[in-house]
């Protein structure tokens, strides 16, 4: 088992992982980062950011992968649909 570190950047702020997690290999570490992404995205939506990345590093500090997540929220109002140009016909 190797130790991997998962540094998370959200809302422009980097939170470095100082403890790390033991994983079987790099592939398992990437899968672990993917499973954590929904939680990080939910937390990001409470702020202004909807872009989150997790930088996966080995025990030597070398980046082995980056997992990125984005959520796009489009808000629609009923008035938006009636604001067509006067000459428009469907």
N, C-alpha and C. Protein backbone atom coordinates (compact mmCIF):
# COMPACT_ATOMS: atom_id res chain seq x y z
N UNK A 1 0.84 -1.18 0.00
CA UNK A 1 0.00 0.00 0.00
C UNK A 1 0.89 1.24 0.00
N UNK A 2 0.48 2.18 -0.78
CA UNK A 2 1.21 3.45 -0.86
C UNK A 2 0.33 4.56 -0.30
N UNK A 3 0.94 5.61 0.15
CA UNK A 3 0.19 6.76 0.68
C UNK A 3 0.08 7.81 -0.42
N UNK A 4 -1.16 8.30 -0.60
CA UNK A 4 -1.44 9.34 -1.58
C UNK A 4 -2.07 10.53 -0.86
N UNK A 5 -1.82 11.70 -1.41
CA UNK A 5 -2.32 12.95 -0.82
C UNK A 5 -3.27 13.61 -1.82
N UNK A 6 -4.36 14.15 -1.30
CA UNK A 6 -5.44 14.69 -2.13
C UNK A 6 -5.64 16.17 -1.78
N UNK A 7 -4.97 17.04 -2.53
CA UNK A 7 -5.06 18.48 -2.31
C UNK A 7 -6.26 19.01 -3.10
N UNK A 8 -7.16 19.71 -2.43
CA UNK A 8 -8.40 20.16 -3.05
C UNK A 8 -8.37 21.67 -3.24
N UNK A 9 -8.67 22.11 -4.46
CA UNK A 9 -8.79 23.54 -4.75
C UNK A 9 -10.25 23.83 -5.08
N UNK A 10 -10.83 24.76 -4.31
CA UNK A 10 -12.22 25.16 -4.50
C UNK A 10 -12.34 26.64 -4.19
N UNK A 11 -13.04 27.35 -5.04
CA UNK A 11 -13.24 28.79 -4.84
C UNK A 11 -11.90 29.51 -4.75
N UNK A 12 -10.92 29.02 -5.51
CA UNK A 12 -9.61 29.65 -5.55
C UNK A 12 -8.73 29.39 -4.34
N UNK A 13 -9.19 28.55 -3.43
CA UNK A 13 -8.45 28.27 -2.21
C UNK A 13 -7.96 26.82 -2.24
N UNK A 14 -6.67 26.65 -1.98
CA UNK A 14 -6.09 25.31 -1.95
C UNK A 14 -6.06 24.79 -0.52
N UNK A 15 -6.65 23.62 -0.31
CA UNK A 15 -6.60 22.95 0.98
C UNK A 15 -5.67 21.75 0.82
N UNK A 16 -4.48 21.83 1.39
CA UNK A 16 -3.51 20.75 1.26
C UNK A 16 -3.81 19.63 2.24
N UNK A 17 -3.69 18.42 1.76
CA UNK A 17 -3.90 17.21 2.55
C UNK A 17 -2.57 16.83 3.19
N UNK A 18 -2.48 16.93 4.49
CA UNK A 18 -1.23 16.60 5.18
C UNK A 18 -1.22 15.17 5.72
N UNK A 19 -2.39 14.53 5.77
CA UNK A 19 -2.47 13.16 6.31
C UNK A 19 -2.34 12.09 5.24
N UNK A 20 -3.01 12.30 4.11
CA UNK A 20 -2.98 11.30 3.04
C UNK A 20 -3.84 10.09 3.35
N UNK A 21 -3.92 9.21 2.36
CA UNK A 21 -4.72 7.99 2.46
C UNK A 21 -3.92 6.86 1.84
N UNK A 22 -3.90 5.72 2.48
CA UNK A 22 -3.24 4.54 1.92
C UNK A 22 -4.14 3.92 0.85
N UNK A 23 -3.60 3.74 -0.33
CA UNK A 23 -4.32 3.12 -1.44
C UNK A 23 -3.44 2.04 -2.06
N UNK A 24 -4.08 1.07 -2.68
CA UNK A 24 -3.37 -0.04 -3.30
C UNK A 24 -2.41 0.44 -4.39
N UNK A 25 -2.91 1.39 -5.23
CA UNK A 25 -2.10 1.89 -6.34
C UNK A 25 -2.68 3.22 -6.81
N UNK A 26 -2.08 3.79 -7.86
CA UNK A 26 -2.52 5.10 -8.38
C UNK A 26 -3.95 5.04 -8.91
N UNK A 27 -4.31 3.92 -9.52
CA UNK A 27 -5.67 3.78 -10.05
C UNK A 27 -6.71 3.83 -8.93
N UNK A 28 -6.41 3.18 -7.84
CA UNK A 28 -7.31 3.19 -6.68
C UNK A 28 -7.38 4.59 -6.08
N UNK A 29 -6.26 5.31 -6.07
CA UNK A 29 -6.24 6.68 -5.56
C UNK A 29 -7.13 7.58 -6.42
N UNK A 30 -7.07 7.42 -7.73
CA UNK A 30 -7.92 8.21 -8.63
C UNK A 30 -9.40 7.89 -8.39
N UNK A 31 -9.72 6.63 -8.24
CA UNK A 31 -11.11 6.24 -7.98
C UNK A 31 -11.60 6.84 -6.66
N UNK A 32 -10.73 6.87 -5.66
CA UNK A 32 -11.07 7.47 -4.37
C UNK A 32 -11.39 8.96 -4.56
N UNK A 33 -10.55 9.67 -5.33
CA UNK A 33 -10.77 11.10 -5.57
C UNK A 33 -12.09 11.35 -6.29
N UNK A 34 -12.43 10.49 -7.23
CA UNK A 34 -13.69 10.64 -7.96
C UNK A 34 -14.88 10.48 -7.02
N UNK A 35 -14.81 9.53 -6.10
CA UNK A 35 -15.93 9.31 -5.18
C UNK A 35 -16.13 10.49 -4.23
N UNK A 36 -15.09 11.25 -3.97
CA UNK A 36 -15.20 12.41 -3.08
C UNK A 36 -15.71 13.66 -3.79
N UNK A 37 -15.64 13.70 -5.13
CA UNK A 37 -15.98 14.91 -5.88
C UNK A 37 -17.40 15.43 -5.63
N UNK A 38 -18.45 14.60 -5.59
CA UNK A 38 -19.79 15.15 -5.34
C UNK A 38 -19.86 15.94 -4.02
N UNK A 39 -19.21 15.46 -2.99
CA UNK A 39 -19.19 16.16 -1.70
C UNK A 39 -18.51 17.52 -1.84
N UNK A 40 -17.38 17.57 -2.54
CA UNK A 40 -16.66 18.82 -2.72
C UNK A 40 -17.47 19.81 -3.56
N UNK A 41 -18.17 19.31 -4.58
CA UNK A 41 -18.99 20.19 -5.41
C UNK A 41 -20.17 20.75 -4.63
N UNK A 42 -20.80 19.94 -3.79
CA UNK A 42 -21.91 20.44 -2.96
C UNK A 42 -21.41 21.56 -2.05
N UNK A 43 -20.26 21.37 -1.47
CA UNK A 43 -19.69 22.40 -0.59
C UNK A 43 -19.35 23.66 -1.38
N UNK A 44 -18.85 23.50 -2.61
CA UNK A 44 -18.48 24.65 -3.44
C UNK A 44 -19.70 25.49 -3.80
N UNK A 45 -20.85 24.85 -3.99
CA UNK A 45 -22.06 25.58 -4.34
C UNK A 45 -22.53 26.50 -3.22
N UNK A 46 -22.09 26.25 -2.00
CA UNK A 46 -22.43 27.13 -0.88
C UNK A 46 -21.67 28.44 -0.98
N UNK A 47 -20.58 28.43 -1.71
CA UNK A 47 -19.76 29.62 -1.93
C UNK A 47 -20.06 30.14 -3.34
N UNK A 48 -19.09 30.76 -3.95
CA UNK A 48 -19.29 31.29 -5.30
C UNK A 48 -18.74 30.38 -6.38
N UNK A 49 -17.97 29.39 -6.01
CA UNK A 49 -17.31 28.54 -7.00
C UNK A 49 -18.13 27.30 -7.33
N UNK A 50 -18.06 26.91 -8.56
CA UNK A 50 -18.64 25.62 -8.95
C UNK A 50 -17.58 24.77 -9.63
N UNK A 51 -16.32 25.18 -9.52
CA UNK A 51 -15.21 24.43 -10.09
C UNK A 51 -14.35 23.92 -8.94
N UNK A 52 -14.12 22.62 -8.95
CA UNK A 52 -13.33 22.00 -7.90
C UNK A 52 -12.32 21.07 -8.56
N UNK A 53 -11.11 21.03 -8.03
CA UNK A 53 -10.14 20.07 -8.53
C UNK A 53 -9.44 19.40 -7.35
N UNK A 54 -9.11 18.15 -7.55
CA UNK A 54 -8.34 17.40 -6.56
C UNK A 54 -7.04 16.98 -7.22
N UNK A 55 -5.94 17.43 -6.65
CA UNK A 55 -4.61 17.08 -7.14
C UNK A 55 -4.13 15.89 -6.33
N UNK A 56 -3.86 14.78 -7.00
CA UNK A 56 -3.42 13.57 -6.33
C UNK A 56 -1.91 13.48 -6.43
N UNK A 57 -1.25 13.40 -5.28
CA UNK A 57 0.21 13.33 -5.24
C UNK A 57 0.66 12.06 -4.54
N UNK A 58 1.80 11.55 -4.97
CA UNK A 58 2.37 10.38 -4.30
C UNK A 58 3.15 10.83 -3.07
N UNK A 59 3.77 9.88 -2.38
CA UNK A 59 4.46 10.21 -1.13
C UNK A 59 5.75 11.01 -1.36
N UNK A 60 6.14 11.18 -2.62
CA UNK A 60 7.30 12.02 -2.95
C UNK A 60 6.87 13.44 -3.32
N UNK A 61 5.57 13.69 -3.32
CA UNK A 61 5.05 15.01 -3.67
C UNK A 61 4.82 15.21 -5.15
N UNK A 62 5.00 14.15 -5.94
CA UNK A 62 4.81 14.23 -7.39
C UNK A 62 3.32 14.07 -7.73
N UNK A 63 2.81 14.98 -8.56
CA UNK A 63 1.42 14.89 -8.99
C UNK A 63 1.26 13.73 -9.96
N UNK A 64 0.31 12.84 -9.66
CA UNK A 64 0.08 11.70 -10.55
C UNK A 64 -1.20 11.87 -11.36
N UNK A 65 -2.12 12.71 -10.88
CA UNK A 65 -3.38 12.95 -11.60
C UNK A 65 -4.10 14.14 -10.98
N UNK A 66 -5.02 14.69 -11.75
CA UNK A 66 -5.90 15.75 -11.27
C UNK A 66 -7.31 15.37 -11.66
N UNK A 67 -8.22 15.39 -10.69
CA UNK A 67 -9.63 15.13 -10.94
C UNK A 67 -10.35 16.47 -10.85
N UNK A 68 -11.08 16.84 -11.91
CA UNK A 68 -11.77 18.12 -11.94
C UNK A 68 -13.28 17.89 -12.01
N UNK A 69 -14.01 18.76 -11.33
CA UNK A 69 -15.47 18.69 -11.35
C UNK A 69 -16.05 20.07 -11.51
N UNK A 70 -17.16 20.15 -12.24
CA UNK A 70 -17.84 21.42 -12.46
C UNK A 70 -19.34 21.20 -12.39
N UNK A 71 -20.03 22.14 -11.78
CA UNK A 71 -21.49 22.14 -11.77
C UNK A 71 -21.94 23.44 -12.39
N UNK A 72 -22.88 23.37 -13.32
CA UNK A 72 -23.44 24.56 -13.92
C UNK A 72 -24.91 24.62 -13.53
N UNK A 73 -25.31 25.71 -12.89
CA UNK A 73 -26.69 25.91 -12.49
C UNK A 73 -27.25 27.03 -13.37
N UNK A 74 -28.26 26.72 -14.16
CA UNK A 74 -28.91 27.72 -14.98
C UNK A 74 -30.27 28.00 -14.37
N UNK A 75 -30.49 29.24 -14.01
CA UNK A 75 -31.76 29.63 -13.40
C UNK A 75 -32.65 30.25 -14.47
N UNK A 76 -33.86 29.74 -14.57
CA UNK A 76 -34.81 30.22 -15.56
C UNK A 76 -36.02 30.80 -14.85
N UNK A 77 -36.51 31.89 -15.41
CA UNK A 77 -37.75 32.49 -14.91
C UNK A 77 -38.78 32.43 -16.02
N UNK A 78 -40.03 32.32 -15.67
CA UNK A 78 -41.10 32.25 -16.67
C UNK A 78 -41.06 33.46 -17.59
N UNK A 79 -40.70 34.63 -17.07
CA UNK A 79 -40.65 35.84 -17.89
C UNK A 79 -39.63 35.72 -19.01
N UNK A 80 -38.63 34.92 -18.84
CA UNK A 80 -37.59 34.75 -19.86
C UNK A 80 -38.16 34.19 -21.15
N UNK A 81 -39.19 33.39 -21.04
CA UNK A 81 -39.75 32.75 -22.21
C UNK A 81 -40.68 33.67 -22.98
N UNK A 82 -41.18 34.72 -22.37
CA UNK A 82 -42.10 35.63 -23.05
C UNK A 82 -41.37 36.85 -23.60
N UNK A 83 -40.09 36.94 -23.40
CA UNK A 83 -39.33 38.10 -23.85
C UNK A 83 -38.81 37.89 -25.27
N UNK A 84 -39.69 37.45 -26.17
CA UNK A 84 -39.30 37.24 -27.57
C UNK A 84 -39.49 38.53 -28.34
N UNK A 85 -38.83 38.63 -29.47
CA UNK A 85 -38.97 39.84 -30.28
C UNK A 85 -40.40 39.93 -30.81
N UNK A 86 -40.91 41.13 -31.04
CA UNK A 86 -42.31 41.31 -31.45
C UNK A 86 -42.70 40.56 -32.73
N UNK A 87 -41.78 40.40 -33.66
CA UNK A 87 -42.10 39.74 -34.91
C UNK A 87 -41.93 38.23 -34.88
N UNK A 88 -41.55 37.67 -33.74
CA UNK A 88 -41.30 36.23 -33.67
C UNK A 88 -42.59 35.45 -33.59
N UNK A 89 -42.70 34.42 -34.42
CA UNK A 89 -43.86 33.52 -34.36
C UNK A 89 -43.35 32.08 -34.34
N UNK A 90 -43.96 31.27 -33.52
CA UNK A 90 -43.52 29.87 -33.45
C UNK A 90 -44.31 29.00 -34.39
